[in-house]
PDB file of N, CA and C in Angstrom:
ATOM      1  N   MET A   1      10.075   8.274  -9.206  1.00  0.00           N
ATOM      2  CA  MET A   1       8.880   7.846  -9.856  1.00  0.00           C
ATOM      3  C   MET A   1       7.730   8.043  -8.882  1.00  0.00           C
ATOM      4  N   ILE A   2       6.598   8.501  -9.369  1.00  0.00           N
ATOM      5  CA  ILE A   2       5.399   8.719  -8.565  1.00  0.00           C
ATOM      6  C   ILE A   2       4.290   7.843  -9.125  1.00  0.00           C
ATOM      7  N   ILE A   3       3.656   7.064  -8.233  1.00  0.00           N
ATOM      8  CA  ILE A   3       2.589   6.162  -8.638  1.00  0.00           C
ATOM      9  C   ILE A   3       1.383   6.371  -7.731  1.00  0.00           C
ATOM     10  N   ALA A   4       0.179   6.425  -8.303  1.00  0.00           N
ATOM     11  CA  ALA A   4      -1.060   6.505  -7.538  1.00  0.00           C
ATOM     12  C   ALA A   4      -1.701   5.116  -7.536  1.00  0.00           C
ATOM     13  N   ILE A   5      -2.140   4.679  -6.356  1.00  0.00           N
ATOM     14  CA  ILE A   5      -2.716   3.341  -6.193  1.00  0.00           C
ATOM     15  C   ILE A   5      -4.125   3.463  -5.643  1.00  0.00           C
ATOM     16  N   THR A   6      -5.052   2.698  -6.206  1.00  0.00           N
ATOM     17  CA  THR A   6      -6.417   2.605  -5.688  1.00  0.00           C
ATOM     18  C   THR A   6      -6.601   1.225  -5.060  1.00  0.00           C
ATOM     19  N   GLY A   7      -7.789   0.944  -4.584  1.00  0.00           N
ATOM     20  CA  GLY A   7      -8.088  -0.366  -4.013  1.00  0.00           C
ATOM     21  C   GLY A   7      -7.448  -0.558  -2.647  1.00  0.00           C
ATOM     22  N   LEU A   8      -7.478   0.475  -1.807  1.00  0.00           N
ATOM     23  CA  LEU A   8      -6.826   0.413  -0.514  1.00  0.00           C
ATOM     24  C   LEU A   8      -7.737  -0.109   0.595  1.00  0.00           C
ATOM     25  N   ASN A   9      -8.951  -0.498   0.262  1.00  0.00           N
ATOM     26  CA  ASN A   9      -9.822  -1.004   1.316  1.00  0.00           C
ATOM     27  C   ASN A   9      -9.267  -2.310   1.878  1.00  0.00           C
ATOM     28  N   ALA A  10      -9.209  -2.392   3.189  1.00  0.00           N
ATOM     29  CA  ALA A  10      -8.634  -3.565   3.858  1.00  0.00           C
ATOM     30  C   ALA A  10      -9.624  -4.129   4.870  1.00  0.00           C
ATOM     31  N   ASN A  11     -10.880  -4.209   4.491  1.00  0.00           N
ATOM     32  CA  ASN A  11     -11.905  -4.723   5.395  1.00  0.00           C
ATOM     33  C   ASN A  11     -12.266  -6.159   5.016  1.00  0.00           C
ATOM     34  N   ASP A  12     -13.512  -6.560   5.142  1.00  0.00           N
ATOM     35  CA  ASP A  12     -13.933  -7.933   4.854  1.00  0.00           C
ATOM     36  C   ASP A  12     -13.683  -8.342   3.405  1.00  0.00           C
ATOM     37  N   ASN A  13     -13.768  -7.409   2.493  1.00  0.00           N
ATOM     38  CA  ASN A  13     -13.537  -7.673   1.071  1.00  0.00           C
ATOM     39  C   ASN A  13     -12.371  -6.797   0.616  1.00  0.00           C
ATOM     40  N   PRO A  14     -11.137  -7.203   0.906  1.00  0.00           N
ATOM     41  CA  PRO A  14      -9.996  -6.317   0.655  1.00  0.00           C
ATOM     42  C   PRO A  14      -9.694  -6.110  -0.825  1.00  0.00           C
ATOM     43  N   GLY A  15      -9.222  -4.918  -1.127  1.00  0.00           N
ATOM     44  CA  GLY A  15      -8.769  -4.603  -2.474  1.00  0.00           C
ATOM     45  C   GLY A  15      -7.290  -4.930  -2.602  1.00  0.00           C
ATOM     46  N   PRO A  16      -6.765  -4.954  -3.806  1.00  0.00           N
ATOM     47  CA  PRO A  16      -5.367  -5.345  -4.024  1.00  0.00           C
ATOM     48  C   PRO A  16      -4.350  -4.235  -3.762  1.00  0.00           C
ATOM     49  N   GLY A  17      -4.793  -3.029  -3.450  1.00  0.00           N
ATOM     50  CA  GLY A  17      -3.893  -1.888  -3.348  1.00  0.00           C
ATOM     51  C   GLY A  17      -2.763  -2.040  -2.345  1.00  0.00           C
ATOM     52  N   VAL A  18      -3.065  -2.528  -1.143  1.00  0.00           N
ATOM     53  CA  VAL A  18      -2.044  -2.658  -0.103  1.00  0.00           C
ATOM     54  C   VAL A  18      -0.968  -3.654  -0.532  1.00  0.00           C
ATOM     55  N   ALA A  19      -1.368  -4.776  -1.100  1.00  0.00           N
ATOM     56  CA  ALA A  19      -0.396  -5.773  -1.559  1.00  0.00           C
ATOM     57  C   ALA A  19       0.446  -5.237  -2.715  1.00  0.00           C
ATOM     58  N   VAL A  20      -0.155  -4.472  -3.599  1.00  0.00           N
ATOM     59  CA  VAL A  20       0.583  -3.882  -4.714  1.00  0.00           C
ATOM     60  C   VAL A  20       1.619  -2.890  -4.194  1.00  0.00           C
ATOM     61  N   ILE A  21       1.238  -2.086  -3.211  1.00  0.00           N
ATOM     62  CA  ILE A  21       2.172  -1.118  -2.640  1.00  0.00           C
ATOM     63  C   ILE A  21       3.338  -1.826  -1.965  1.00  0.00           C
ATOM     64  N   ARG A  22       3.062  -2.879  -1.234  1.00  0.00           N
ATOM     65  CA  ARG A  22       4.146  -3.628  -0.578  1.00  0.00           C
ATOM     66  C   ARG A  22       5.112  -4.211  -1.604  1.00  0.00           C
ATOM     67  N   ALA A  23       4.583  -4.747  -2.690  1.00  0.00           N
ATOM     68  CA  ALA A  23       5.444  -5.310  -3.735  1.00  0.00           C
ATOM     69  C   ALA A  23       6.282  -4.221  -4.402  1.00  0.00           C
ATOM     70  N   LEU A  24       5.690  -3.080  -4.671  1.00  0.00           N
ATOM     71  CA  LEU A  24       6.429  -1.976  -5.278  1.00  0.00           C
ATOM     72  C   LEU A  24       7.504  -1.445  -4.333  1.00  0.00           C
ATOM     73  N   ARG A  25       7.188  -1.342  -3.043  1.00  0.00           N
ATOM     74  CA  ARG A  25       8.170  -0.893  -2.048  1.00  0.00           C
ATOM     75  C   ARG A  25       9.348  -1.861  -1.961  1.00  0.00           C
ATOM     76  N   GLU A  26       9.047  -3.141  -2.043  1.00  0.00           N
ATOM     77  CA  GLU A  26      10.110  -4.148  -1.989  1.00  0.00           C
ATOM     78  C   GLU A  26      11.035  -4.031  -3.193  1.00  0.00           C
ATOM     79  N   GLU A  27      10.470  -3.734  -4.343  1.00  0.00           N
ATOM     80  CA  GLU A  27      11.260  -3.654  -5.570  1.00  0.00           C
ATOM     81  C   GLU A  27      12.012  -2.326  -5.703  1.00  0.00           C
ATOM     82  N   PHE A  28      11.338  -1.208  -5.426  1.00  0.00           N
ATOM     83  CA  PHE A  28      11.913   0.102  -5.699  1.00  0.00           C
ATOM     84  C   PHE A  28      12.389   0.854  -4.461  1.00  0.00           C
ATOM     85  N   GLY A  29      11.950   0.468  -3.291  1.00  0.00           N
ATOM     86  CA  GLY A  29      12.384   1.110  -2.051  1.00  0.00           C
ATOM     87  C   GLY A  29      12.006   2.578  -1.990  1.00  0.00           C
ATOM     88  N   SER A  30      12.922   3.403  -1.533  1.00  0.00           N
ATOM     89  CA  SER A  30      12.634   4.823  -1.346  1.00  0.00           C
ATOM     90  C   SER A  30      12.707   5.634  -2.640  1.00  0.00           C
ATOM     91  N   ALA A  31      13.035   4.996  -3.752  1.00  0.00           N
ATOM     92  CA  ALA A  31      13.066   5.692  -5.035  1.00  0.00           C
ATOM     93  C   ALA A  31      11.662   5.900  -5.601  1.00  0.00           C
ATOM     94  N   LEU A  32      10.660   5.464  -4.857  1.00  0.00           N
ATOM     95  CA  LEU A  32       9.284   5.495  -5.320  1.00  0.00           C
ATOM     96  C   LEU A  32       8.435   6.335  -4.376  1.00  0.00           C
ATOM     97  N   THR A  33       7.624   7.220  -4.936  1.00  0.00           N
ATOM     98  CA  THR A  33       6.638   7.970  -4.165  1.00  0.00           C
ATOM     99  C   THR A  33       5.275   7.407  -4.501  1.00  0.00           C
ATOM    100  N   ILE A  34       4.532   7.009  -3.472  1.00  0.00           N
ATOM    101  CA  ILE A  34       3.228   6.395  -3.678  1.00  0.00           C
ATOM    102  C   ILE A  34       2.144   7.310  -3.130  1.00  0.00           C
ATOM    103  N   ILE A  35       1.112   7.511  -3.938  1.00  0.00           N
ATOM    104  CA  ILE A  35      -0.055   8.287  -3.531  1.00  0.00           C
ATOM    105  C   ILE A  35      -1.226   7.320  -3.465  1.00  0.00           C
ATOM    106  N   GLY A  36      -1.813   7.165  -2.287  1.00  0.00           N
ATOM    107  CA  GLY A  36      -2.960   6.278  -2.115  1.00  0.00           C
ATOM    108  C   GLY A  36      -4.255   7.024  -2.363  1.00  0.00           C
ATOM    109  N   LEU A  37      -5.116   6.465  -3.201  1.00  0.00           N
ATOM    110  CA  LEU A  37      -6.400   7.079  -3.528  1.00  0.00           C
ATOM    111  C   LEU A  37      -7.523   6.258  -2.901  1.00  0.00           C
ATOM    112  N   SER A  38      -8.433   6.948  -2.205  1.00  0.00           N
ATOM    113  CA  SER A  38      -9.509   6.258  -1.513  1.00  0.00           C
ATOM    114  C   SER A  38     -10.768   7.112  -1.541  1.00  0.00           C
ATOM    115  N   TYR A  39     -11.924   6.456  -1.486  1.00  0.00           N
ATOM    116  CA  TYR A  39     -13.191   7.176  -1.434  1.00  0.00           C
ATOM    117  C   TYR A  39     -13.490   7.683  -0.029  1.00  0.00           C
ATOM    118  N   GLU A  40     -13.133   6.905   0.977  1.00  0.00           N
ATOM    119  CA  GLU A  40     -13.442   7.236   2.363  1.00  0.00           C
ATOM    120  C   GLU A  40     -12.189   7.667   3.106  1.00  0.00           C
ATOM    121  N   SER A  41     -12.286   8.704   3.907  1.00  0.00           N
ATOM    122  CA  SER A  41     -11.124   9.180   4.663  1.00  0.00           C
ATOM    123  C   SER A  41     -10.743   8.228   5.798  1.00  0.00           C
ATOM    124  N   LEU A  42     -11.656   7.365   6.222  1.00  0.00           N
ATOM    125  CA  LEU A  42     -11.371   6.422   7.300  1.00  0.00           C
ATOM    126  C   LEU A  42     -11.116   5.003   6.797  1.00  0.00           C
ATOM    127  N   GLU A  43     -10.839   4.854   5.532  1.00  0.00           N
ATOM    128  CA  GLU A  43     -10.545   3.533   4.950  1.00  0.00           C
ATOM    129  C   GLU A  43      -9.311   2.940   5.640  1.00  0.00           C
ATOM    130  N   PRO A  44      -9.403   1.720   6.191  1.00  0.00           N
ATOM    131  CA  PRO A  44      -8.279   1.160   6.953  1.00  0.00           C
ATOM    132  C   PRO A  44      -6.988   1.013   6.148  1.00  0.00           C
ATOM    133  N   GLY A  45      -7.083   0.760   4.878  1.00  0.00           N
ATOM    134  CA  GLY A  45      -5.892   0.539   4.066  1.00  0.00           C
ATOM    135  C   GLY A  45      -4.980   1.752   3.942  1.00  0.00           C
ATOM    136  N   ILE A  46      -5.524   2.955   4.085  1.00  0.00           N
ATOM    137  CA  ILE A  46      -4.679   4.135   3.943  1.00  0.00           C
ATOM    138  C   ILE A  46      -3.843   4.380   5.192  1.00  0.00           C
ATOM    139  N   TYR A  47      -4.159   3.687   6.272  1.00  0.00           N
ATOM    140  CA  TYR A  47      -3.404   3.855   7.522  1.00  0.00           C
ATOM    141  C   TYR A  47      -2.512   2.670   7.837  1.00  0.00           C
ATOM    142  N   ARG A  48      -2.570   1.603   7.061  1.00  0.00           N
ATOM    143  CA  ARG A  48      -1.831   0.376   7.362  1.00  0.00           C
ATOM    144  C   ARG A  48      -0.553   0.230   6.571  1.00  0.00           C
ATOM    145  N   ILE A  49      -0.254   1.155   5.698  1.00  0.00           N
ATOM    146  CA  ILE A  49       0.918   1.032   4.838  1.00  0.00           C
ATOM    147  C   ILE A  49       2.103   1.731   5.503  1.00  0.00           C
ATOM    148  N   PRO A  50       3.207   1.015   5.674  1.00  0.00           N
ATOM    149  CA  PRO A  50       4.364   1.646   6.323  1.00  0.00           C
ATOM    150  C   PRO A  50       5.043   2.677   5.440  1.00  0.00           C
TER     151      PRO A  50
END
């Protein structure tokens, strides 16, 4: 399964994307491919997801 997630900003006003990805990873594990969508290439949330 492939899922695209937005809301990856993890600054002063964080979006829900990182938490959603963690929950999906916990449920589906490696059976899931996640594509993170962001407006900025230096958005902290796109680099914090294991």
